[in-house]
């Protein structure tokens, strides 16, 4: 039986697959995107950066 099969068997029998002490906190987050076009206006660039920062903040809260 494969590793996935063994984990599934254990999970279905009520055995915990991961203990709480095994889950580590993330030490970093990343929200990466590429711009769809070249921006020459500072306003447009600030708007895009603010959107990415908001997405990163949402990830951080999770």
PDB file of N, CA and C in Angstrom:
ATOM      1  N   UNK A   1       0.850  -1.177   0.000  1.00  0.00           N
ATOM      2  CA  UNK A   1       0.000   0.000   0.000  1.00  0.00           C
ATOM      3  C   UNK A   1       0.897   1.242   0.000  1.00  0.00           C
ATOM      4  N   UNK A   2       0.443   2.264  -0.705  1.00  0.00           N
ATOM      5  CA  UNK A   2       1.231   3.498  -0.797  1.00  0.00           C
ATOM      6  C   UNK A   2       1.127   4.310   0.494  1.00  0.00           C
ATOM      7  N   UNK A   3       1.976   5.308   0.595  1.00  0.00           N
ATOM      8  CA  UNK A   3       1.968   6.193   1.762  1.00  0.00           C
ATOM      9  C   UNK A   3       0.616   6.899   1.874  1.00  0.00           C
ATOM     10  N   UNK A   4       0.101   7.350   0.753  1.00  0.00           N
ATOM     11  CA  UNK A   4      -1.194   8.032   0.750  1.00  0.00           C
ATOM     12  C   UNK A   4      -2.289   7.079   1.208  1.00  0.00           C
ATOM     13  N   UNK A   5      -2.222   5.843   0.742  1.00  0.00           N
ATOM     14  CA  UNK A   5      -3.198   4.836   1.154  1.00  0.00           C
ATOM     15  C   UNK A   5      -3.141   4.565   2.647  1.00  0.00           C
ATOM     16  N   UNK A   6      -1.935   4.471   3.197  1.00  0.00           N
ATOM     17  CA  UNK A   6      -1.778   4.255   4.637  1.00  0.00           C
ATOM     18  C   UNK A   6      -2.317   5.439   5.439  1.00  0.00           C
ATOM     19  N   UNK A   7      -2.053   6.640   4.966  1.00  0.00           N
ATOM     20  CA  UNK A   7      -2.571   7.831   5.654  1.00  0.00           C
ATOM     21  C   UNK A   7      -4.099   7.858   5.619  1.00  0.00           C
ATOM     22  N   UNK A   8      -4.660   7.505   4.467  1.00  0.00           N
ATOM     23  CA  UNK A   8      -6.108   7.470   4.331  1.00  0.00           C
ATOM     24  C   UNK A   8      -6.713   6.430   5.263  1.00  0.00           C
ATOM     25  N   UNK A   9      -6.095   5.259   5.323  1.00  0.00           N
ATOM     26  CA  UNK A   9      -6.571   4.189   6.206  1.00  0.00           C
ATOM     27  C   UNK A   9      -6.555   4.651   7.666  1.00  0.00           C
ATOM     28  N   UNK A  10      -5.471   5.295   8.069  1.00  0.00           N
ATOM     29  CA  UNK A  10      -5.363   5.789   9.448  1.00  0.00           C
ATOM     30  C   UNK A  10      -6.392   6.882   9.725  1.00  0.00           C
ATOM     31  N   UNK A  11      -6.582   7.782   8.767  1.00  0.00           N
ATOM     32  CA  UNK A  11      -7.546   8.871   8.946  1.00  0.00           C
ATOM     33  C   UNK A  11      -8.963   8.325   9.081  1.00  0.00           C
ATOM     34  N   UNK A  12      -9.300   7.320   8.273  1.00  0.00           N
ATOM     35  CA  UNK A  12     -10.640   6.737   8.331  1.00  0.00           C
ATOM     36  C   UNK A  12     -10.876   5.958   9.616  1.00  0.00           C
ATOM     37  N   UNK A  13      -9.798   5.479  10.220  1.00  0.00           N
ATOM     38  CA  UNK A  13      -9.956   4.755  11.486  1.00  0.00           C
ATOM     39  C   UNK A  13      -9.929   5.705  12.688  1.00  0.00           C
ATOM     40  N   UNK A  14      -9.827   7.010  12.417  1.00  0.00           N
ATOM     41  CA  UNK A  14      -9.879   8.001  13.490  1.00  0.00           C
ATOM     42  C   UNK A  14      -8.532   8.386  14.061  1.00  0.00           C
ATOM     43  N   UNK A  15      -7.471   7.875  13.508  1.00  0.00           N
ATOM     44  CA  UNK A  15      -6.127   8.192  13.991  1.00  0.00           C
ATOM     45  C   UNK A  15      -5.674   9.526  13.399  1.00  0.00           C
ATOM     46  N   UNK A  16      -5.122  10.383  14.225  1.00  0.00           N
ATOM     47  CA  UNK A  16      -4.678  11.691  13.767  1.00  0.00           C
ATOM     48  C   UNK A  16      -3.432  11.553  12.896  1.00  0.00           C
ATOM     49  N   UNK A  17      -3.437  12.224  11.768  1.00  0.00           N
ATOM     50  CA  UNK A  17      -2.299  12.160  10.851  1.00  0.00           C
ATOM     51  C   UNK A  17      -1.199  13.137  11.261  1.00  0.00           C
ATOM     52  N   UNK A  18      -1.588  14.300  11.723  1.00  0.00           N
ATOM     53  CA  UNK A  18      -0.632  15.320  12.144  1.00  0.00           C
ATOM     54  C   UNK A  18      -0.958  15.766  13.559  1.00  0.00           C
ATOM     55  N   UNK A  19       0.059  15.806  14.373  1.00  0.00           N
ATOM     56  CA  UNK A  19      -0.124  16.355  15.709  1.00  0.00           C
ATOM     57  C   UNK A  19       0.016  17.859  15.667  1.00  0.00           C
ATOM     58  N   UNK A  20      -0.519  18.536  16.650  1.00  0.00           N
ATOM     59  CA  UNK A  20      -0.437  19.998  16.660  1.00  0.00           C
ATOM     60  C   UNK A  20       0.998  20.482  16.791  1.00  0.00           C
ATOM     61  N   UNK A  21       1.836  19.727  17.472  1.00  0.00           N
ATOM     62  CA  UNK A  21       3.212  20.152  17.652  1.00  0.00           C
ATOM     63  C   UNK A  21       4.024  20.056  16.363  1.00  0.00           C
ATOM     64  N   UNK A  22       3.517  19.312  15.384  1.00  0.00           N
ATOM     65  CA  UNK A  22       4.245  19.152  14.127  1.00  0.00           C
ATOM     66  C   UNK A  22       4.005  20.305  13.155  1.00  0.00           C
ATOM     67  N   UNK A  23       2.941  21.060  13.345  1.00  0.00           N
ATOM     68  CA  UNK A  23       2.616  22.154  12.443  1.00  0.00           C
ATOM     69  C   UNK A  23       3.415  23.387  12.857  1.00  0.00           C
ATOM     70  N   UNK A  24       4.225  23.875  11.942  1.00  0.00           N
ATOM     71  CA  UNK A  24       5.077  25.028  12.232  1.00  0.00           C
ATOM     72  C   UNK A  24       4.454  26.293  11.658  1.00  0.00           C
ATOM     73  N   UNK A  25       4.690  27.401  12.328  1.00  0.00           N
ATOM     74  CA  UNK A  25       4.224  28.689  11.824  1.00  0.00           C
ATOM     75  C   UNK A  25       5.025  29.081  10.592  1.00  0.00           C
ATOM     76  N   UNK A  26       4.353  29.734   9.668  1.00  0.00           N
ATOM     77  CA  UNK A  26       5.048  30.238   8.492  1.00  0.00           C
ATOM     78  C   UNK A  26       5.950  31.387   8.911  1.00  0.00           C
ATOM     79  N   UNK A  27       7.112  31.459   8.307  1.00  0.00           N
ATOM     80  CA  UNK A  27       8.041  32.534   8.627  1.00  0.00           C
ATOM     81  C   UNK A  27       8.027  33.630   7.572  1.00  0.00           C
ATOM     82  N   UNK A  28       7.382  33.365   6.446  1.00  0.00           N
ATOM     83  CA  UNK A  28       7.296  34.399   5.428  1.00  0.00           C
ATOM     84  C   UNK A  28       6.080  34.156   4.551  1.00  0.00           C
ATOM     85  N   UNK A  29       5.684  35.177   3.851  1.00  0.00           N
ATOM     86  CA  UNK A  29       4.593  35.078   2.895  1.00  0.00           C
ATOM     87  C   UNK A  29       5.040  35.780   1.624  1.00  0.00           C
ATOM     88  N   UNK A  30       4.404  35.427   0.544  1.00  0.00           N
ATOM     89  CA  UNK A  30       4.735  36.081  -0.720  1.00  0.00           C
ATOM     90  C   UNK A  30       3.470  36.234  -1.555  1.00  0.00           C
ATOM     91  N   UNK A  31       3.322  37.379  -2.142  1.00  0.00           N
ATOM     92  CA  UNK A  31       2.267  37.629  -3.115  1.00  0.00           C
ATOM     93  C   UNK A  31       2.982  38.196  -4.324  1.00  0.00           C
ATOM     94  N   UNK A  32       3.101  37.398  -5.342  1.00  0.00           N
ATOM     95  CA  UNK A  32       3.847  37.840  -6.518  1.00  0.00           C
ATOM     96  C   UNK A  32       2.927  37.904  -7.722  1.00  0.00           C
ATOM     97  N   UNK A  33       3.086  38.908  -8.473  1.00  0.00           N
ATOM     98  CA  UNK A  33       2.325  39.083  -9.698  1.00  0.00           C
ATOM     99  C   UNK A  33       3.216  39.830 -10.681  1.00  0.00           C
ATOM    100  N   UNK A  34       2.896  39.682 -11.928  1.00  0.00           N
ATOM    101  CA  UNK A  34       3.569  40.513 -12.925  1.00  0.00           C
ATOM    102  C   UNK A  34       2.523  41.466 -13.495  1.00  0.00           C
ATOM    103  N   UNK A  35       2.960  42.617 -13.868  1.00  0.00           N
ATOM    104  CA  UNK A  35       2.033  43.596 -14.411  1.00  0.00           C
ATOM    105  C   UNK A  35       1.662  43.203 -15.830  1.00  0.00           C
ATOM    106  N   UNK A  36       0.391  43.412 -16.163  1.00  0.00           N
ATOM    107  CA  UNK A  36      -0.078  43.029 -17.495  1.00  0.00           C
ATOM    108  C   UNK A  36       0.413  43.972 -18.586  1.00  0.00           C
ATOM    109  N   UNK A  37       0.824  45.154 -18.175  1.00  0.00           N
ATOM    110  CA  UNK A  37       1.360  46.124 -19.141  1.00  0.00           C
ATOM    111  C   UNK A  37       2.301  47.072 -18.420  1.00  0.00           C
ATOM    112  N   UNK A  38       2.998  47.880 -19.173  1.00  0.00           N
ATOM    113  CA  UNK A  38       3.897  48.878 -18.617  1.00  0.00           C
ATOM    114  C   UNK A  38       3.075  50.060 -18.117  1.00  0.00           C
ATOM    115  N   UNK A  39       3.344  50.489 -16.891  1.00  0.00           N
ATOM    116  CA  UNK A  39       2.629  51.639 -16.329  1.00  0.00           C
ATOM    117  C   UNK A  39       3.559  52.840 -16.292  1.00  0.00           C
ATOM    118  N   UNK A  40       3.092  53.942 -16.837  1.00  0.00           N
ATOM    119  CA  UNK A  40       3.910  55.155 -16.834  1.00  0.00           C
ATOM    120  C   UNK A  40       3.416  56.158 -15.799  1.00  0.00           C
ATOM    121  N   UNK A  41       2.198  55.976 -15.322  1.00  0.00           N
ATOM    122  CA  UNK A  41       1.632  56.880 -14.323  1.00  0.00           C
ATOM    123  C   UNK A  41       1.865  56.330 -12.922  1.00  0.00           C
ATOM    124  N   UNK A  42       2.352  57.182 -12.047  1.00  0.00           N
ATOM    125  CA  UNK A  42       2.625  56.782 -10.667  1.00  0.00           C
ATOM    126  C   UNK A  42       1.347  56.336  -9.957  1.00  0.00           C
ATOM    127  N   UNK A  43       0.231  56.992 -10.250  1.00  0.00           N
ATOM    128  CA  UNK A  43      -1.047  56.642  -9.624  1.00  0.00           C
ATOM    129  C   UNK A  43      -1.405  55.180  -9.908  1.00  0.00           C
ATOM    130  N   UNK A  44      -1.278  54.766 -11.169  1.00  0.00           N
ATOM    131  CA  UNK A  44      -1.611  53.389 -11.548  1.00  0.00           C
ATOM    132  C   UNK A  44      -0.712  52.382 -10.839  1.00  0.00           C
ATOM    133  N   UNK A  45       0.560  52.691 -10.769  1.00  0.00           N
ATOM    134  CA  UNK A  45       1.513  51.802 -10.111  1.00  0.00           C
ATOM    135  C   UNK A  45       1.204  51.686  -8.617  1.00  0.00           C
ATOM    136  N   UNK A  46       0.909  52.801  -7.975  1.00  0.00           N
ATOM    137  CA  UNK A  46       0.553  52.780  -6.547  1.00  0.00           C
ATOM    138  C   UNK A  46      -0.700  51.944  -6.307  1.00  0.00           C
ATOM    139  N   UNK A  47      -1.656  52.059  -7.201  1.00  0.00           N
ATOM    140  CA  UNK A  47      -2.900  51.305  -7.075  1.00  0.00           C
ATOM    141  C   UNK A  47      -2.631  49.796  -7.138  1.00  0.00           C
ATOM    142  N   UNK A  48      -1.787  49.371  -8.066  1.00  0.00           N
ATOM    143  CA  UNK A  48      -1.458  47.942  -8.198  1.00  0.00           C
ATOM    144  C   UNK A  48      -0.698  47.446  -6.970  1.00  0.00           C
ATOM    145  N   UNK A  49       0.242  48.220  -6.497  1.00  0.00           N
ATOM    146  CA  UNK A  49       1.027  47.829  -5.319  1.00  0.00           C
ATOM    147  C   UNK A  49       0.129  47.731  -4.090  1.00  0.00           C
ATOM    148  N   UNK A  50      -0.822  48.651  -3.950  1.00  0.00           N
ATOM    149  CA  UNK A  50      -1.757  48.603  -2.821  1.00  0.00           C
ATOM    150  C   UNK A  50      -2.596  47.330  -2.875  1.00  0.00           C
ATOM    151  N   UNK A  51      -2.987  46.916  -4.061  1.00  0.00           N
ATOM    152  CA  UNK A  51      -3.755  45.677  -4.215  1.00  0.00           C
ATOM    153  C   UNK A  51      -2.934  44.479  -3.763  1.00  0.00           C
ATOM    154  N   UNK A  52      -1.677  44.412  -4.172  1.00  0.00           N
ATOM    155  CA  UNK A  52      -0.815  43.296  -3.773  1.00  0.00           C
ATOM    156  C   UNK A  52      -0.562  43.303  -2.270  1.00  0.00           C
ATOM    157  N   UNK A  53      -0.398  44.488  -1.694  1.00  0.00           N
ATOM    158  CA  UNK A  53      -0.193  44.587  -0.245  1.00  0.00           C
ATOM    159  C   UNK A  53      -1.431  44.111   0.506  1.00  0.00           C
ATOM    160  N   UNK A  54      -2.607  44.420  -0.004  1.00  0.00           N
ATOM    161  CA  UNK A  54      -3.848  43.964   0.629  1.00  0.00           C
ATOM    162  C   UNK A  54      -3.960  42.446   0.561  1.00  0.00           C
ATOM    163  N   UNK A  55      -3.562  41.860  -0.561  1.00  0.00           N
ATOM    164  CA  UNK A  55      -3.589  40.393  -0.685  1.00  0.00           C
ATOM    165  C   UNK A  55      -2.606  39.750   0.288  1.00  0.00           C
ATOM    166  N   UNK A  56      -1.444  40.358   0.449  1.00  0.00           N
ATOM    167  CA  UNK A  56      -0.453  39.832   1.398  1.00  0.00           C
ATOM    168  C   UNK A  56      -0.980  39.933   2.827  1.00  0.00           C
ATOM    169  N   UNK A  57      -1.653  41.023   3.154  1.00  0.00           N
ATOM    170  CA  UNK A  57      -2.218  41.189   4.497  1.00  0.00           C
ATOM    171  C   UNK A  57      -3.295  40.144   4.765  1.00  0.00           C
ATOM    172  N   UNK A  58      -4.091  39.828   3.759  1.00  0.00           N
ATOM    173  CA  UNK A  58      -5.113  38.789   3.905  1.00  0.00           C
ATOM    174  C   UNK A  58      -4.464  37.444   4.189  1.00  0.00           C
ATOM    175  N   UNK A  59      -3.398  37.132   3.470  1.00  0.00           N
ATOM    176  CA  UNK A  59      -2.672  35.880   3.709  1.00  0.00           C
ATOM    177  C   UNK A  59      -2.084  35.845   5.112  1.00  0.00           C
ATOM    178  N   UNK A  60      -1.563  36.970   5.557  1.00  0.00           N
ATOM    179  CA  UNK A  60      -0.934  37.055   6.870  1.00  0.00           C
ATOM    180  C   UNK A  60      -1.940  36.795   7.988  1.00  0.00           C
ATOM    181  N   UNK A  61      -3.168  37.237   7.800  1.00  0.00           N
ATOM    182  CA  UNK A  61      -4.201  37.048   8.821  1.00  0.00           C
ATOM    183  C   UNK A  61      -4.647  35.599   8.947  1.00  0.00           C
ATOM    184  N   UNK A  62      -4.430  34.794   7.931  1.00  0.00           N
ATOM    185  CA  UNK A  62      -4.876  33.383   7.954  1.00  0.00           C
ATOM    186  C   UNK A  62      -4.019  32.544   8.856  1.00  0.00           C
TER     187      UNK A  62
END
